[in-house]
PDB file of N, CA and C in Angstrom:
ATOM      1  N   MET A   1       0.997  -1.410  -0.151  1.00  0.00           N
ATOM      2  CA  MET A   1       0.361   0.227  -0.333  1.00  0.00           C
ATOM      3  C   MET A   1       0.941   1.243  -0.350  1.00  0.00           C
ATOM      4  N   ASN A   2       0.759   2.367  -0.989  1.00  0.00           N
ATOM      5  CA  ASN A   2       1.356   3.441  -0.566  1.00  0.00           C
ATOM      6  C   ASN A   2       0.852   4.442  -0.270  1.00  0.00           C
ATOM      7  N   LYS A   3       1.304   5.586   0.071  1.00  0.00           N
ATOM      8  CA  LYS A   3       0.780   6.726   0.577  1.00  0.00           C
ATOM      9  C   LYS A   3      -0.299   7.213   0.745  1.00  0.00           C
ATOM     10  N   THR A   4      -0.796   7.449  -0.619  1.00  0.00           N
ATOM     11  CA  THR A   4      -2.135   7.498  -0.984  1.00  0.00           C
ATOM     12  C   THR A   4      -3.198   6.584  -0.868  1.00  0.00           C
ATOM     13  N   GLU A   5      -3.056   5.651  -1.364  1.00  0.00           N
ATOM     14  CA  GLU A   5      -3.864   4.452  -0.636  1.00  0.00           C
ATOM     15  C   GLU A   5      -4.124   4.615   0.475  1.00  0.00           C
ATOM     16  N   ALA A   6      -3.185   4.299   1.592  1.00  0.00           N
ATOM     17  CA  ALA A   6      -3.592   4.931   2.839  1.00  0.00           C
ATOM     18  C   ALA A   6      -4.140   5.842   3.660  1.00  0.00           C
ATOM     19  N   ILE A   7      -3.855   7.113   2.772  1.00  0.00           N
ATOM     20  CA  ILE A   7      -4.715   8.415   3.082  1.00  0.00           C
ATOM     21  C   ILE A   7      -6.249   7.871   3.018  1.00  0.00           C
ATOM     22  N   THR A   8      -6.098   7.423   1.666  1.00  0.00           N
ATOM     23  CA  THR A   8      -7.972   7.025   1.322  1.00  0.00           C
ATOM     24  C   THR A   8      -8.492   6.192   2.145  1.00  0.00           C
ATOM     25  N   GLU A   9      -7.869   4.909   2.659  1.00  0.00           N
ATOM     26  CA  GLU A   9      -8.545   4.255   3.572  1.00  0.00           C
ATOM     27  C   GLU A   9      -8.589   4.693   4.722  1.00  0.00           C
ATOM     28  N   ALA A  10      -7.866   5.328   5.224  1.00  0.00           N
ATOM     29  CA  ALA A  10      -7.669   5.838   6.519  1.00  0.00           C
ATOM     30  C   ALA A  10      -8.761   6.868   6.546  1.00  0.00           C
ATOM     31  N   ALA A  11      -9.360   8.105   5.497  1.00  0.00           N
ATOM     32  CA  ALA A  11     -10.470   8.290   5.685  1.00  0.00           C
ATOM     33  C   ALA A  11     -11.775   7.732   5.276  1.00  0.00           C
ATOM     34  N   ARG A  12     -11.536   6.605   4.733  1.00  0.00           N
ATOM     35  CA  ARG A  12     -12.897   5.836   4.485  1.00  0.00           C
ATOM     36  C   ARG A  12     -13.274   5.025   5.935  1.00  0.00           C
ATOM     37  N   GLU A  13     -12.308   4.565   6.711  1.00  0.00           N
ATOM     38  CA  GLU A  13     -12.753   4.172   7.841  1.00  0.00           C
ATOM     39  C   GLU A  13     -12.592   5.041   8.935  1.00  0.00           C
ATOM     40  N   VAL A  14     -12.023   5.978   8.959  1.00  0.00           N
ATOM     41  CA  VAL A  14     -12.670   7.393   9.900  1.00  0.00           C
ATOM     42  C   VAL A  14     -14.219   7.804  10.052  1.00  0.00           C
ATOM     43  N   LEU A  15     -14.586   8.098   7.992  1.00  0.00           N
ATOM     44  CA  LEU A  15     -15.978   8.495   8.264  1.00  0.00           C
ATOM     45  C   LEU A  15     -16.905   7.246   8.688  1.00  0.00           C
ATOM     46  N   ALA A  16     -16.451   6.022   8.126  1.00  0.00           N
ATOM     47  CA  ALA A  16     -17.525   4.783   8.347  1.00  0.00           C
ATOM     48  C   ALA A  16     -17.689   4.305   9.857  1.00  0.00           C
ATOM     49  N   HIS A  17     -16.207   4.448  10.997  1.00  0.00           N
ATOM     50  CA  HIS A  17     -15.998   3.987  12.329  1.00  0.00           C
ATOM     51  C   HIS A  17     -16.094   4.724  13.219  1.00  0.00           C
ATOM     52  N   GLY A  18     -15.763   6.147  12.642  1.00  0.00           N
ATOM     53  CA  GLY A  18     -15.357   7.295  14.147  1.00  0.00           C
ATOM     54  C   GLY A  18     -16.753   7.854  14.681  1.00  0.00           C
ATOM     55  N   GLY A  19     -16.058   9.166  14.837  1.00  0.00           N
ATOM     56  CA  GLY A  19     -17.324   9.849  15.512  1.00  0.00           C
ATOM     57  C   GLY A  19     -17.825   9.528  16.870  1.00  0.00           C
ATOM     58  N   PRO A  20     -18.594  10.427  17.495  1.00  0.00           N
ATOM     59  CA  PRO A  20     -19.076  10.435  18.634  1.00  0.00           C
ATOM     60  C   PRO A  20     -20.388   8.902  18.878  1.00  0.00           C
ATOM     61  N   ALA A  21     -20.827   8.900  17.707  1.00  0.00           N
ATOM     62  CA  ALA A  21     -21.674   7.600  17.314  1.00  0.00           C
ATOM     63  C   ALA A  21     -21.185   6.417  17.240  1.00  0.00           C
ATOM     64  N   CYS A  22     -20.040   6.412  17.550  1.00  0.00           N
ATOM     65  CA  CYS A  22     -19.220   4.997  16.878  1.00  0.00           C
ATOM     66  C   CYS A  22     -19.582   3.853  17.548  1.00  0.00           C
ATOM     67  N   LEU A  23     -19.969   2.967  16.889  1.00  0.00           N
ATOM     68  CA  LEU A  23     -21.055   1.558  17.293  1.00  0.00           C
ATOM     69  C   LEU A  23     -20.398   0.453  17.382  1.00  0.00           C
ATOM     70  N   THR A  24     -18.677   0.710  16.454  1.00  0.00           N
ATOM     71  CA  THR A  24     -17.750  -0.253  16.363  1.00  0.00           C
ATOM     72  C   THR A  24     -16.856  -0.163  17.073  1.00  0.00           C
ATOM     73  N   ASP A  25     -15.587  -0.982  16.769  1.00  0.00           N
ATOM     74  CA  ASP A  25     -14.613  -1.191  17.417  1.00  0.00           C
ATOM     75  C   ASP A  25     -13.796   0.149  17.161  1.00  0.00           C
ATOM     76  N   PRO A  26     -13.661   1.311  17.909  1.00  0.00           N
ATOM     77  CA  PRO A  26     -12.545   2.536  17.259  1.00  0.00           C
ATOM     78  C   PRO A  26     -11.516   2.185  17.159  1.00  0.00           C
ATOM     79  N   HIS A  27     -10.788   1.068  17.372  1.00  0.00           N
ATOM     80  CA  HIS A  27      -9.760   1.080  17.020  1.00  0.00           C
ATOM     81  C   HIS A  27      -9.297   0.392  15.304  1.00  0.00           C
ATOM     82  N   ILE A  28     -10.473   0.650  14.690  1.00  0.00           N
ATOM     83  CA  ILE A  28     -10.296   0.239  13.239  1.00  0.00           C
ATOM     84  C   ILE A  28      -9.810   1.480  12.527  1.00  0.00           C
ATOM     85  N   ALA A  29     -10.689   2.726  12.743  1.00  0.00           N
ATOM     86  CA  ALA A  29     -10.059   3.839  12.006  1.00  0.00           C
ATOM     87  C   ALA A  29      -8.743   4.005  12.529  1.00  0.00           C
ATOM     88  N   LEU A  30      -8.335   3.681  14.121  1.00  0.00           N
ATOM     89  CA  LEU A  30      -7.052   4.364  14.373  1.00  0.00           C
ATOM     90  C   LEU A  30      -5.794   3.832  13.825  1.00  0.00           C
ATOM     91  N   ARG A  31      -6.217   2.177  14.008  1.00  0.00           N
ATOM     92  CA  ARG A  31      -5.004   1.578  12.928  1.00  0.00           C
ATOM     93  C   ARG A  31      -4.684   1.879  11.273  1.00  0.00           C
ATOM     94  N   ALA A  32      -5.643   2.704  10.519  1.00  0.00           N
ATOM     95  CA  ALA A  32      -6.166   2.692   9.529  1.00  0.00           C
ATOM     96  C   ALA A  32      -5.468   4.225   9.728  1.00  0.00           C
ATOM     97  N   MET A  33      -4.932   5.076  10.261  1.00  0.00           N
ATOM     98  CA  MET A  33      -4.613   6.248  10.293  1.00  0.00           C
ATOM     99  C   MET A  33      -3.278   5.668  10.690  1.00  0.00           C
ATOM    100  N   ASP A  34      -3.184   5.066  12.161  1.00  0.00           N
ATOM    101  CA  ASP A  34      -1.461   4.765  11.779  1.00  0.00           C
ATOM    102  C   ASP A  34      -0.904   4.434  10.694  1.00  0.00           C
ATOM    103  N   ASP A  35      -1.646   3.535  10.049  1.00  0.00           N
ATOM    104  CA  ASP A  35      -1.026   3.134   8.932  1.00  0.00           C
ATOM    105  C   ASP A  35      -0.768   4.045   7.846  1.00  0.00           C
ATOM    106  N   ALA A  36      -1.426   5.080   7.720  1.00  0.00           N
ATOM    107  CA  ALA A  36      -1.397   6.058   6.931  1.00  0.00           C
ATOM    108  C   ALA A  36      -0.150   7.160   7.484  1.00  0.00           C
ATOM    109  N   MET A  37       0.032   7.321   8.730  1.00  0.00           N
ATOM    110  CA  MET A  37       0.742   8.035   9.037  1.00  0.00           C
ATOM    111  C   MET A  37       2.238   7.396   9.149  1.00  0.00           C
ATOM    112  N   ALA A  38       2.420   6.436   9.404  1.00  0.00           N
ATOM    113  CA  ALA A  38       3.600   5.621   9.187  1.00  0.00           C
ATOM    114  C   ALA A  38       4.281   5.747   7.834  1.00  0.00           C
ATOM    115  N   LEU A  39       3.157   6.058   7.002  1.00  0.00           N
ATOM    116  CA  LEU A  39       3.607   5.950   5.419  1.00  0.00           C
ATOM    117  C   LEU A  39       4.290   7.417   5.071  1.00  0.00           C
ATOM    118  N   GLY A  40       3.891   8.283   6.259  1.00  0.00           N
ATOM    119  CA  GLY A  40       4.148   9.724   5.832  1.00  0.00           C
ATOM    120  C   GLY A  40       3.143  10.813   5.650  1.00  0.00           C
ATOM    121  N   ALA A  41       1.823  10.056   5.747  1.00  0.00           N
ATOM    122  CA  ALA A  41       0.891  10.970   5.609  1.00  0.00           C
ATOM    123  C   ALA A  41       0.919  11.829   7.171  1.00  0.00           C
ATOM    124  N   THR A  42       0.010  13.177   6.886  1.00  0.00           N
ATOM    125  CA  THR A  42      -0.192  13.811   8.097  1.00  0.00           C
ATOM    126  C   THR A  42      -1.810  13.864   8.283  1.00  0.00           C
ATOM    127  N   GLU A  43      -2.221  14.363   9.419  1.00  0.00           N
ATOM    128  CA  GLU A  43      -3.395  14.432   9.903  1.00  0.00           C
ATOM    129  C   GLU A  43      -3.945  15.568   9.067  1.00  0.00           C
ATOM    130  N   ASP A  44      -3.557  16.304   8.657  1.00  0.00           N
ATOM    131  CA  ASP A  44      -4.254  17.359   7.421  1.00  0.00           C
ATOM    132  C   ASP A  44      -4.621  16.457   6.178  1.00  0.00           C
ATOM    133  N   ASP A  45      -3.733  15.899   5.866  1.00  0.00           N
ATOM    134  CA  ASP A  45      -3.595  15.054   4.580  1.00  0.00           C
ATOM    135  C   ASP A  45      -5.452  14.038   4.925  1.00  0.00           C
ATOM    136  N   ILE A  46      -5.089  13.375   5.872  1.00  0.00           N
ATOM    137  CA  ILE A  46      -6.537  12.603   5.956  1.00  0.00           C
ATOM    138  C   ILE A  46      -7.773  13.193   5.951  1.00  0.00           C
ATOM    139  N   LYS A  47      -7.612  14.814   6.621  1.00  0.00           N
ATOM    140  CA  LYS A  47      -9.173  15.362   6.963  1.00  0.00           C
ATOM    141  C   LYS A  47      -9.077  15.990   5.204  1.00  0.00           C
ATOM    142  N   ALA A  48      -8.310  16.570   4.690  1.00  0.00           N
ATOM    143  CA  ALA A  48      -8.502  16.686   3.138  1.00  0.00           C
ATOM    144  C   ALA A  48      -9.161  15.433   2.371  1.00  0.00           C
ATOM    145  N   GLU A  49      -8.853  14.533   2.678  1.00  0.00           N
ATOM    146  CA  GLU A  49      -9.495  13.182   1.979  1.00  0.00           C
ATOM    147  C   GLU A  49     -11.081  12.909   2.237  1.00  0.00           C
ATOM    148  N   MET A  50     -10.780  13.186   3.955  1.00  0.00           N
ATOM    149  CA  MET A  50     -12.096  12.706   4.368  1.00  0.00           C
ATOM    150  C   MET A  50     -13.327  13.985   3.851  1.00  0.00           C
ATOM    151  N   ARG A  51     -12.699  15.210   3.677  1.00  0.00           N
ATOM    152  CA  ARG A  51     -14.034  16.243   2.849  1.00  0.00           C
ATOM    153  C   ARG A  51     -13.988  15.707   1.797  1.00  0.00           C
ATOM    154  N   ARG A  52     -13.131  15.343   0.865  1.00  0.00           N
ATOM    155  CA  ARG A  52     -13.298  14.998  -0.460  1.00  0.00           C
ATOM    156  C   ARG A  52     -14.116  13.673  -0.409  1.00  0.00           C
ATOM    157  N   GLN A  53     -14.257  12.783   0.303  1.00  0.00           N
ATOM    158  CA  GLN A  53     -14.861  11.581   0.172  1.00  0.00           C
ATOM    159  C   GLN A  53     -16.724  11.882   0.959  1.00  0.00           C
ATOM    160  N   ARG A  54     -16.531  12.612   1.859  1.00  0.00           N
ATOM    161  CA  ARG A  54     -18.111  13.570   2.194  1.00  0.00           C
ATOM    162  C   ARG A  54     -18.679  13.883   0.906  1.00  0.00           C
ATOM    163  N   GLU A  55     -17.849  14.928  -0.056  1.00  0.00           N
ATOM    164  CA  GLU A  55     -18.421  15.830  -1.191  1.00  0.00           C
ATOM    165  C   GLU A  55     -18.746  14.782  -2.224  1.00  0.00           C
ATOM    166  N   GLY A  56     -18.244  13.580  -2.040  1.00  0.00           N
ATOM    167  CA  GLY A  56     -18.374  12.891  -3.322  1.00  0.00           C
ATOM    168  C   GLY A  56     -17.554  13.040  -4.488  1.00  0.00           C
ATOM    169  N   THR A  57     -15.868  13.445  -4.208  1.00  0.00           N
ATOM    170  CA  THR A  57     -15.340  13.814  -5.577  1.00  0.00           C
ATOM    171  C   THR A  57     -14.131  12.666  -5.151  1.00  0.00           C
ATOM    172  N   VAL A  58     -14.397  11.735  -4.616  1.00  0.00           N
ATOM    173  CA  VAL A  58     -13.122  10.556  -4.684  1.00  0.00           C
ATOM    174  C   VAL A  58     -12.831   9.971  -5.980  1.00  0.00           C
ATOM    175  N   GLN A  59     -11.625  10.253  -6.066  1.00  0.00           N
ATOM    176  CA  GLN A  59     -10.909   9.844  -7.287  1.00  0.00           C
ATOM    177  C   GLN A  59     -10.470   8.470  -7.681  1.00  0.00           C
TER     178      GLN A  59
END
């Protein structure tokens, strides 16, 4: 997995499993974020991708 793929996956997992109404294992999103950050992603990279995914502009 490369950095871009990791960012996309982390954003997807945070949107699917994160937030205050998280009804699943919160570690799913945290692990995905850790993986992306280990490949050089920043929190801002993940936040930007989350915005793109919410807006439906996933590439």
